[in-house]
Amino acid sequence: MDVMIGLELISFQIINYVGAARDKYLEAISQAKKGNFERAEELLKEGEKQFVKGHKAHTELIQKDVVDGTVVMNLLLTHAQDQLMSAEAFKIIATEFIEIYRRISK
């Protein structure tokens, strides 16, 4: 497989998985705001599963670069890494918002 095609595929996998995770985290906040805390927790777990898939794809790239040095930074990979970091931040924010909404509802 062409190195760039492999890199692009993995970049798109990262973007896809962490984008799905971010969507779950945002929906979790929305559910907590409505008082649906059980559903919010489920959504956090669903988001975490997607995030882990994206993180594994990212780790695959890191390992590939260590082994053969063929990973070349480009705009697509930069975007994928940005989305990965963004999703991680959304997870933290979602967790905090859910806790705040829990306290408000009591």
Protein backbone atom coordinates (compact mmCIF):
# COMPACT_ATOMS: atom_id res chain seq x y z
CA MET A 1 0.00 0.00 0.00
CA ASP A 2 1.24 3.43 -0.87
CA VAL A 3 2.55 5.17 2.27
CA MET A 4 0.46 8.32 1.70
CA ILE A 5 -2.72 6.34 1.06
CA GLY A 6 -2.16 4.47 4.33
CA LEU A 7 -1.50 7.72 6.15
CA GLU A 8 -4.61 9.33 4.70
CA LEU A 9 -6.74 6.32 5.62
CA ILE A 10 -5.55 6.35 9.22
CA SER A 11 -6.02 10.12 9.40
CA PHE A 12 -9.62 9.75 8.23
CA GLN A 13 -10.17 6.95 10.76
CA ILE A 14 -8.98 9.22 13.55
CA ILE A 15 -11.20 12.06 12.37
CA ASN A 16 -14.20 9.75 12.06
CA TYR A 17 -13.84 8.07 15.46
CA VAL A 18 -13.05 11.15 17.51
CA GLY A 19 -15.73 13.15 15.70
CA ALA A 20 -18.25 10.52 16.73
CA ALA A 21 -16.89 10.66 20.29
CA ARG A 22 -17.23 14.45 20.40
CA ASP A 23 -20.83 14.19 19.20
CA LYS A 24 -21.60 11.70 22.01
CA TYR A 25 -20.01 14.02 24.58
CA LEU A 26 -22.07 16.97 23.39
CA GLU A 27 -25.25 14.89 23.43
CA ALA A 28 -24.36 13.78 26.96
CA ILE A 29 -24.30 17.41 28.07
CA SER A 30 -27.66 17.98 26.42
CA GLN A 31 -29.17 14.97 28.18
CA ALA A 32 -27.77 16.06 31.55
CA LYS A 33 -29.26 19.52 31.03
CA LYS A 34 -32.66 17.81 30.62
CA GLY A 35 -32.06 15.81 33.80
CA ASN A 36 -31.48 12.52 31.98
CA PHE A 37 -28.32 11.61 33.89
CA GLU A 38 -28.44 7.89 33.20
CA ARG A 39 -28.55 8.54 29.46
CA ALA A 40 -25.81 11.15 29.80
CA GLU A 41 -23.55 8.56 31.44
CA GLU A 42 -24.34 6.05 28.69
CA LEU A 43 -23.41 8.61 26.07
CA LEU A 44 -20.12 9.33 27.84
CA LYS A 45 -19.30 5.61 27.72
CA GLU A 46 -20.28 5.38 24.05
CA GLY A 47 -18.10 8.40 23.32
CA GLU A 48 -15.19 6.84 25.19
CA LYS A 49 -15.42 3.70 23.03
CA GLN A 50 -15.19 5.82 19.89
CA PHE A 51 -12.39 7.92 21.33
CA VAL A 52 -10.35 4.82 22.15
CA LYS A 53 -10.66 3.65 18.54
CA GLY A 54 -9.35 7.01 17.33
CA HIS A 55 -6.57 6.98 19.87
CA LYS A 56 -5.52 3.48 18.78
CA ALA A 57 -5.32 4.63 15.17
CA HIS A 58 -3.17 7.56 16.30
CA THR A 59 -0.93 5.22 18.29
CA GLU A 60 -0.56 3.07 15.17
CA LEU A 61 0.84 6.10 13.35
CA ILE A 62 3.26 6.86 16.15
CA GLN A 63 4.52 3.27 16.17
CA LYS A 64 4.87 3.29 12.39
CA ASP A 65 6.92 6.46 12.53
CA VAL A 66 9.19 5.02 15.22
CA VAL A 67 9.75 1.83 13.22
CA ASP A 68 10.33 3.19 9.73
CA GLY A 69 10.06 6.99 9.86
CA THR A 70 7.59 7.10 6.98
CA VAL A 71 4.94 9.27 8.61
CA VAL A 72 4.99 12.67 6.96
CA MET A 73 3.08 15.50 8.60
CA ASN A 74 0.53 17.07 6.32
CA LEU A 75 -2.59 19.17 6.71
CA LEU A 76 -4.88 16.13 6.97
CA LEU A 77 -2.84 14.52 9.74
CA THR A 78 -2.59 17.84 11.54
CA HIS A 79 -6.38 18.13 11.36
CA ALA A 80 -6.77 14.58 12.69
CA GLN A 81 -4.52 15.31 15.65
CA ASP A 82 -6.37 18.56 16.33
CA GLN A 83 -9.68 16.70 16.33
CA LEU A 84 -8.24 14.08 18.70
CA MET A 85 -7.18 16.74 21.19
CA SER A 86 -10.48 18.58 20.79
CA ALA A 87 -12.49 15.43 21.52
CA GLU A 88 -10.41 14.79 24.62
CA ALA A 89 -11.16 18.31 25.84
CA PHE A 90 -14.88 17.84 25.13
CA LYS A 91 -14.86 14.69 27.24
CA ILE A 92 -13.44 16.59 30.19
CA ILE A 93 -15.91 19.44 29.72
CA ALA A 94 -18.85 17.03 29.33
CA THR A 95 -17.92 15.23 32.53
CA GLU A 96 -17.78 18.52 34.40
CA PHE A 97 -21.06 19.81 32.95
CA ILE A 98 -22.86 16.60 33.87
CA GLU A 99 -21.64 16.92 37.45
CA ILE A 100 -22.73 20.57 37.58
CA TYR A 101 -26.20 19.71 36.23
CA ARG A 102 -26.46 16.93 38.82
CA ARG A 103 -25.71 19.38 41.61
CA ILE A 104 -28.18 21.93 40.26
CA SER A 105 -30.93 19.32 40.03
CA LYS A 106 -30.57 18.36 43.71
